[in-house]
Amino acid sequence: MAFPAHTQAFELLLLQAEGNGRDTALFGGTADRVRDAVPPFLIGGKFPEIYLEFPLAGEPFLDVTLLYGDLEEDARVNSPLASGCEGILAFYARERAKEPAITFGFEIDCGEQAPSAAGIHFQPRRLTQYVAPFCEVAGSPEKAELYLAQDERMPQGWPLSYFGMFRGRIGSPLRVCGYLEEGEKRACAADPIRLGRALDQAGFSAFDADVLAQAARVLELAPTYAEFQFDALADGSLGDMFAIGVHFDSLPSAEVRRSFAEGAGAAIMAQLREWGIADDRVGHVGEMTFTRGMHIHSDDGSSAPFGFSLIPAWLKVRWRNGILEPAKLYMNASAGPLKNRS
């Protein structure tokens, strides 16, 4: 059975994303940069977990994150944007074969005129024994000390889960991220003072009462789970950035469109528009969303189902030095064989 190549599947998903004028309205005409930059990163036996990322206000552009499952040890990305990552790929392939809970991927800033070196995403979850060897092979052993020290100081209910290195940004911080435990999410949504105490314990100070009220409101509106992000600086302190990621239910496209028309998606988008960090482009989210299955036929006459989907996965609300920045939406672009229910 000859299923579509990863590049073919990605092109179909990108065509859906940019259709009906969305390349200009949402991406600022940058989809062709994505076409040039992303195909070499489409490695592995399974279609990677891909997120198309774009702002909901301000200058439009499109960035891409790819996360991998299992890889062969000789897997390579034939792109200058992944230069120097051969050892990382080999390390991840070996360790992932032993521990499927860890995840690795790349973040590509296609919004730039000339995309810089791809960022690196590594998710050890609670398996912190992988942090130091990963950072060592990535050529940044000092980043492991930053991550592990920050993990130790996080308040209860705020465990770290993954980190990002922005290789193309000189002197960039280490992005440290985690998922709020459900009880903590609800408690902080109900009590901004509790949220402030947690930020204090984490070592973050660039907030005031307005930030706490806004963040609590975001957590209140989050329909499922939420994550958080900070920047760890070289001296071990946290920078002036704090973000909350609001995740959406994984639903069929028709239900997603209803959510963004009159449900949980619409409610949080209305709040973002009231704050001025989203604008009319939120109306494109529902129309971009789709799920589609088809039967792929082989020369011997047999067939198997194959599916495509483009679904809003989560959005990021970010404060920098206490000021809200444009929200950013992450659409999950997926493709792969479906279980045959016949």
Protein backbone atom coordinates (compact mmCIF):
# COMPACT_ATOMS: atom_id res chain seq x y z
CA MET A 1 0.00 0.00 0.00
CA ALA A 2 1.60 3.27 -1.14
CA PHE A 3 0.43 5.97 1.24
CA PRO A 4 1.19 9.62 0.38
CA ALA A 5 4.76 10.70 1.04
CA HIS A 6 5.20 13.04 4.00
CA THR A 7 5.93 15.93 1.62
CA GLN A 8 2.73 15.31 -0.33
CA ALA A 9 0.64 15.12 2.84
CA PHE A 10 2.21 18.30 4.20
CA GLU A 11 1.54 20.16 0.94
CA LEU A 12 -2.15 19.22 1.08
CA LEU A 13 -2.39 20.47 4.68
CA LEU A 14 -0.59 23.70 3.83
CA LEU A 15 -2.90 24.30 0.86
CA GLN A 16 -5.87 23.96 3.21
CA ALA A 17 -4.29 26.32 5.74
CA GLU A 18 -3.52 29.08 3.24
CA GLY A 19 -6.72 28.83 1.15
CA ASN A 20 -9.33 31.57 0.68
CA GLY A 21 -6.83 34.36 1.22
CA ARG A 22 -5.54 33.08 4.55
CA ASP A 23 -1.93 33.14 3.37
CA THR A 24 -2.15 36.93 3.30
CA ALA A 25 -4.59 37.51 6.16
CA LEU A 26 -3.02 35.09 8.66
CA PHE A 27 0.50 34.37 7.41
CA GLY A 28 1.53 37.60 5.68
CA GLY A 29 2.44 35.73 2.50
CA THR A 30 5.04 33.56 4.25
CA ALA A 31 3.58 30.13 3.36
CA ASP A 32 6.06 29.75 0.49
CA ARG A 33 8.92 30.08 2.97
CA VAL A 34 7.36 27.16 4.84
CA ARG A 35 7.27 25.17 1.58
CA ASP A 36 10.99 25.80 1.14
CA ALA A 37 12.07 25.21 4.74
CA VAL A 38 9.97 22.34 6.10
CA PRO A 39 10.21 19.36 3.65
CA PRO A 40 13.76 18.32 4.68
CA PHE A 41 12.51 18.05 8.28
CA LEU A 42 9.78 15.55 7.34
CA ILE A 43 11.76 12.51 8.46
CA GLY A 44 10.77 9.31 10.25
CA GLY A 45 8.45 6.48 9.40
CA LYS A 46 5.42 8.32 10.79
CA PHE A 47 4.29 11.80 9.81
CA PRO A 48 5.71 14.13 12.49
CA GLU A 49 3.49 15.95 14.97
CA ILE A 50 3.34 19.34 13.26
CA TYR A 51 2.08 22.70 14.52
CA LEU A 52 1.46 25.68 12.22
CA GLU A 53 1.91 28.77 14.42
CA PHE A 54 0.65 32.28 13.65
CA PRO A 55 -0.25 35.44 15.63
CA LEU A 56 -3.85 36.55 16.10
CA ALA A 57 -2.92 40.25 16.03
CA GLY A 58 -0.03 42.38 14.83
CA GLU A 59 2.20 41.50 11.88
CA PRO A 60 1.07 38.19 10.29
CA PHE A 61 3.55 35.34 9.74
CA LEU A 62 3.77 31.56 9.89
CA ASP A 63 6.20 29.46 11.95
CA VAL A 64 6.34 25.67 12.23
CA THR A 65 7.16 23.20 15.00
CA LEU A 66 7.78 19.51 14.25
CA LEU A 67 7.94 16.83 16.96
CA TYR A 68 9.12 13.30 16.20
CA GLY A 69 8.21 9.85 17.37
CA ASP A 70 10.62 6.97 16.75
CA LEU A 71 13.58 7.67 14.44
CA GLU A 72 16.32 5.56 12.94
CA GLU A 73 19.80 6.28 14.32
CA ASP A 74 21.00 7.36 10.89
CA ALA A 75 18.10 9.82 10.42
CA ARG A 76 19.31 13.16 9.11
CA VAL A 77 17.74 16.49 8.14
CA ASN A 78 19.23 17.67 4.87
CA SER A 79 18.93 21.37 5.57
CA PRO A 80 21.38 24.07 6.68
CA LEU A 81 18.79 25.06 9.28
CA ALA A 82 19.57 21.77 11.08
CA SER A 83 23.35 22.06 10.75
CA GLY A 84 25.17 20.50 13.69
CA CYS A 85 22.19 18.42 14.83
CA GLU A 86 23.41 15.03 13.60
CA GLY A 87 24.54 13.98 17.08
CA ILE A 88 21.28 15.14 18.63
CA LEU A 89 19.25 13.07 16.16
CA ALA A 90 21.35 9.96 16.79
CA PHE A 91 21.12 10.43 20.57
CA TYR A 92 17.36 10.90 20.44
CA ALA A 93 16.85 7.87 18.19
CA ARG A 94 18.79 5.64 20.61
CA GLU A 95 17.15 6.92 23.77
CA ARG A 96 13.63 7.08 22.33
CA ALA A 97 13.91 3.39 21.42
CA LYS A 98 14.41 2.71 25.14
CA GLU A 99 12.03 5.34 26.53
CA PRO A 100 9.06 6.34 24.34
CA ALA A 101 7.94 9.06 26.78
CA ILE A 102 10.64 11.50 25.63
CA THR A 103 10.08 13.75 22.60
CA PHE A 104 12.36 15.83 20.41
CA GLY A 105 11.73 18.25 17.57
CA PHE A 106 12.58 21.44 15.73
CA GLU A 107 11.05 24.92 15.69
CA ILE A 108 11.45 26.85 12.41
CA ASP A 109 10.94 30.62 12.31
CA CYS A 110 9.60 30.97 8.78
CA GLY A 111 8.29 34.42 9.62
CA GLU A 112 11.85 35.67 9.10
CA GLN A 113 12.92 36.72 5.58
CA ALA A 114 15.77 34.24 5.84
CA PRO A 115 14.94 31.59 8.48
CA SER A 116 17.74 31.13 11.01
CA ALA A 117 19.00 27.91 12.56
CA ALA A 118 16.08 25.78 13.70
CA GLY A 119 15.32 25.87 17.40
CA ILE A 120 15.48 22.65 19.42
CA HIS A 121 12.63 21.24 21.50
CA PHE A 122 13.26 18.46 24.02
CA GLN A 123 10.63 17.00 26.33
CA PRO A 124 12.00 14.72 29.03
CA ARG A 125 8.79 15.07 31.09
CA ARG A 126 9.73 13.88 34.60
CA LEU A 127 12.64 11.79 33.31
CA THR A 128 15.22 14.41 34.23
CA GLN A 129 18.10 11.96 33.85
CA TYR A 130 17.93 12.70 30.11
CA VAL A 131 18.41 16.45 30.48
CA ALA A 132 22.19 16.57 31.02
CA PRO A 133 23.16 14.07 28.28
CA PHE A 134 20.85 15.79 25.79
CA CYS A 135 22.29 19.23 26.53
CA GLU A 136 25.80 17.78 26.32
CA VAL A 137 25.27 16.35 22.85
CA ALA A 138 23.55 19.60 21.83
CA GLY A 139 26.74 21.47 22.76
CA SER A 140 25.14 23.42 25.61
CA PRO A 141 25.86 21.52 28.85
CA GLU A 142 25.25 24.67 30.91
CA LYS A 143 21.59 24.64 29.83
CA ALA A 144 21.05 21.42 31.80
CA GLU A 145 22.10 23.16 35.01
CA LEU A 146 19.64 25.98 34.31
CA TYR A 147 16.76 23.60 33.62
CA LEU A 148 17.37 21.31 36.58
CA ALA A 149 17.85 24.22 39.01
CA GLN A 150 14.62 25.81 37.82
CA ASP A 151 12.80 22.50 38.10
CA GLU A 152 13.88 22.28 41.74
CA ARG A 153 12.49 25.71 42.59
CA MET A 154 9.10 25.30 40.88
CA PRO A 155 6.11 25.39 43.26
CA GLN A 156 3.93 22.35 43.85
CA GLY A 157 1.58 21.79 40.92
CA TRP A 158 3.98 23.50 38.48
CA PRO A 159 6.33 20.71 37.30
CA LEU A 160 8.58 21.39 34.32
CA SER A 161 8.17 19.07 31.34
CA TYR A 162 10.22 20.39 28.39
CA PHE A 163 12.55 23.10 27.19
CA GLY A 164 13.53 24.92 24.02
CA MET A 165 16.87 26.25 22.77
CA PHE A 166 16.79 29.05 20.19
CA ARG A 167 19.99 28.27 18.34
CA GLY A 168 19.56 31.12 15.84
CA ARG A 169 19.26 33.82 18.51
CA ILE A 170 22.58 34.89 20.00
CA GLY A 171 22.50 35.05 23.78
CA SER A 172 18.96 33.70 23.87
CA PRO A 173 17.53 32.33 27.12
CA LEU A 174 16.47 28.75 27.75
CA ARG A 175 12.69 28.44 27.38
CA VAL A 176 11.45 26.26 30.26
CA CYS A 177 7.91 24.92 30.12
CA GLY A 178 5.51 22.67 31.97
CA TYR A 179 1.88 21.73 32.46
CA LEU A 180 -0.17 23.01 35.37
CA GLU A 181 -1.69 20.22 37.40
CA GLU A 182 -5.49 20.36 37.11
CA GLY A 183 -6.16 21.21 40.76
CA GLU A 184 -3.55 23.96 40.67
CA LYS A 185 -5.02 25.37 37.46
CA ARG A 186 -8.46 25.63 39.03
CA ALA A 187 -7.07 27.10 42.28
CA CYS A 188 -5.05 29.79 40.47
CA ALA A 189 -8.03 30.65 38.24
CA ALA A 190 -10.12 31.25 41.37
CA ASP A 191 -7.43 33.08 43.36
CA PRO A 192 -4.98 35.48 41.62
CA ILE A 193 -3.13 35.93 44.94
CA ARG A 194 -2.31 32.21 44.95
CA LEU A 195 -1.06 32.58 41.37
CA GLY A 196 1.18 35.45 42.45
CA ARG A 197 2.68 33.38 45.27
CA ALA A 198 3.46 30.61 42.80
CA LEU A 199 5.18 33.03 40.40
CA ASP A 200 7.19 34.43 43.30
CA GLN A 201 8.37 30.96 44.30
CA ALA A 202 9.32 30.19 40.70
CA GLY A 203 11.52 33.30 40.74
CA PHE A 204 9.43 35.38 38.33
CA SER A 205 8.88 39.00 39.29
CA ALA A 206 7.72 40.87 36.16
CA PHE A 207 4.06 40.96 37.11
CA ASP A 208 1.53 43.15 38.86
CA ALA A 209 -2.10 42.86 39.91
CA ASP A 210 -3.31 43.37 36.34
CA VAL A 211 -1.18 40.50 35.05
CA LEU A 212 -2.46 38.24 37.81
CA ALA A 213 -6.08 39.11 37.04
CA GLN A 214 -5.58 38.53 33.32
CA ALA A 215 -3.72 35.26 33.83
CA ALA A 216 -6.38 33.99 36.22
CA ARG A 217 -9.04 34.83 33.63
CA VAL A 218 -7.13 32.90 30.96
CA LEU A 219 -6.94 29.86 33.23
CA GLU A 220 -10.66 30.19 33.99
CA LEU A 221 -11.50 30.14 30.27
CA ALA A 222 -9.14 27.26 29.40
CA PRO A 223 -11.44 24.41 28.27
CA THR A 224 -8.92 21.65 29.04
CA TYR A 225 -5.41 21.74 30.45
CA ALA A 226 -2.96 24.63 30.48
CA GLU A 227 0.80 24.98 30.32
CA PHE A 228 3.22 27.70 31.35
CA GLN A 229 6.49 29.09 29.98
CA PHE A 230 9.38 31.13 31.38
CA ASP A 231 12.80 32.19 30.09
CA ALA A 232 15.76 31.03 32.19
CA LEU A 233 18.71 33.41 31.84
CA ALA A 234 22.40 32.49 31.95
CA ASP A 235 22.73 33.65 35.58
CA GLY A 236 19.90 31.33 36.68
CA SER A 237 17.28 34.05 37.06
CA LEU A 238 14.05 34.23 35.07
CA GLY A 239 13.54 36.85 32.37
CA ASP A 240 10.58 39.18 31.98
CA MET A 241 8.47 36.76 29.87
CA PHE A 242 5.61 34.64 31.20
CA ALA A 243 3.16 32.72 29.02
CA ILE A 244 0.14 30.48 29.46
CA GLY A 245 -0.77 27.91 26.83
CA VAL A 246 -4.50 27.17 26.57
CA HIS A 247 -5.21 23.76 25.04
CA PHE A 248 -8.39 22.82 23.22
CA ASP A 249 -10.32 19.57 23.06
CA SER A 250 -9.40 17.30 20.15
CA LEU A 251 -12.75 17.23 18.34
CA PRO A 252 -14.11 16.53 14.85
CA SER A 253 -13.91 19.59 12.60
CA ALA A 254 -17.65 20.33 12.76
CA GLU A 255 -17.56 20.46 16.57
CA VAL A 256 -14.44 22.64 16.50
CA ARG A 257 -16.19 25.11 14.22
CA ARG A 258 -19.13 25.21 16.63
CA SER A 259 -16.78 25.80 19.55
CA PHE A 260 -15.18 28.77 17.81
CA ALA A 261 -18.57 30.09 16.74
CA GLU A 262 -20.43 29.87 20.04
CA GLY A 263 -18.59 27.67 22.54
CA ALA A 264 -15.38 27.59 24.56
CA GLY A 265 -13.25 28.67 21.61
CA ALA A 266 -15.47 31.69 20.97
CA ALA A 267 -15.42 32.69 24.65
CA ILE A 268 -11.66 32.86 24.95
CA MET A 269 -11.27 34.53 21.56
CA ALA A 270 -13.76 37.22 22.66
CA GLN A 271 -11.65 37.88 25.75
CA LEU A 272 -8.46 38.13 23.70
CA ARG A 273 -10.13 40.59 21.34
CA GLU A 274 -11.33 42.68 24.29
CA TRP A 275 -7.72 42.90 25.48
CA GLY A 276 -6.53 43.83 21.97
CA ILE A 277 -4.29 40.77 21.49
CA ALA A 278 -6.50 39.19 18.82
CA ASP A 279 -8.45 40.74 15.95
CA ASP A 280 -10.74 39.79 13.06
CA ARG A 281 -8.42 37.05 11.90
CA VAL A 282 -9.87 34.77 14.60
CA GLY A 283 -12.79 34.30 12.22
CA HIS A 284 -10.52 32.30 9.91
CA VAL A 285 -9.82 29.59 12.48
CA GLY A 286 -13.06 27.70 12.01
CA GLU A 287 -12.97 27.83 8.22
CA MET A 288 -9.38 26.57 8.16
CA THR A 289 -10.24 23.58 10.35
CA PHE A 290 -10.87 20.28 8.57
CA THR A 291 -10.67 16.52 8.91
CA ARG A 292 -10.80 14.30 5.88
CA GLY A 293 -10.38 10.62 5.21
CA MET A 294 -9.85 8.84 1.93
CA HIS A 295 -9.13 5.35 0.71
CA ILE A 296 -5.73 4.85 -0.90
CA HIS A 297 -5.75 2.17 -3.59
CA SER A 298 -2.81 -0.03 -4.53
CA ASP A 299 -2.05 -1.73 -7.85
CA ASP A 300 -3.47 -5.03 -6.59
CA GLY A 301 -6.87 -3.46 -6.00
CA SER A 302 -6.72 -3.36 -2.19
CA SER A 303 -7.33 -0.16 -0.28
CA ALA A 304 -6.75 1.33 3.15
CA PRO A 305 -8.06 4.49 4.84
CA PHE A 306 -5.79 7.51 5.22
CA GLY A 307 -6.66 10.69 7.09
CA PHE A 308 -5.72 14.38 7.14
CA SER A 309 -6.64 16.96 9.75
CA LEU A 310 -5.96 20.58 10.58
CA ILE A 311 -7.29 21.34 14.06
CA PRO A 312 -6.61 24.21 16.54
CA ALA A 313 -4.58 22.57 19.30
CA TRP A 314 -3.69 25.43 21.63
CA LEU A 315 -3.03 29.14 21.87
CA LYS A 316 -0.40 31.08 23.76
CA VAL A 317 -1.10 34.20 25.81
CA ARG A 318 2.15 35.95 26.65
CA TRP A 319 3.20 38.84 28.87
CA ARG A 320 6.56 40.55 28.54
CA ASN A 321 7.53 42.92 31.34
CA GLY A 322 3.89 42.91 32.42
CA ILE A 323 2.50 43.85 28.99
CA LEU A 324 0.29 41.55 26.91
CA GLU A 325 1.67 40.63 23.48
CA PRO A 326 -0.38 39.36 20.49
CA ALA A 327 -1.78 35.90 21.14
CA LYS A 328 -0.49 33.06 18.97
CA LEU A 329 -2.50 30.09 17.71
CA TYR A 330 -1.09 26.62 17.09
CA MET A 331 -2.89 24.46 14.50
CA ASN A 332 -2.09 20.74 14.62
CA ALA A 333 -1.49 19.47 11.06
CA SER A 334 -1.62 15.67 10.98
CA ALA A 335 -1.71 12.90 8.39
CA GLY A 336 -1.52 9.13 8.56
CA PRO A 337 -3.22 5.76 8.12
CA LEU A 338 -6.56 5.30 9.86
CA LYS A 339 -7.76 2.17 11.57
CA ASN A 340 -9.96 0.29 9.15
CA ARG A 341 -13.37 -0.11 10.79
CA SER A 342 -14.85 -2.32 8.11
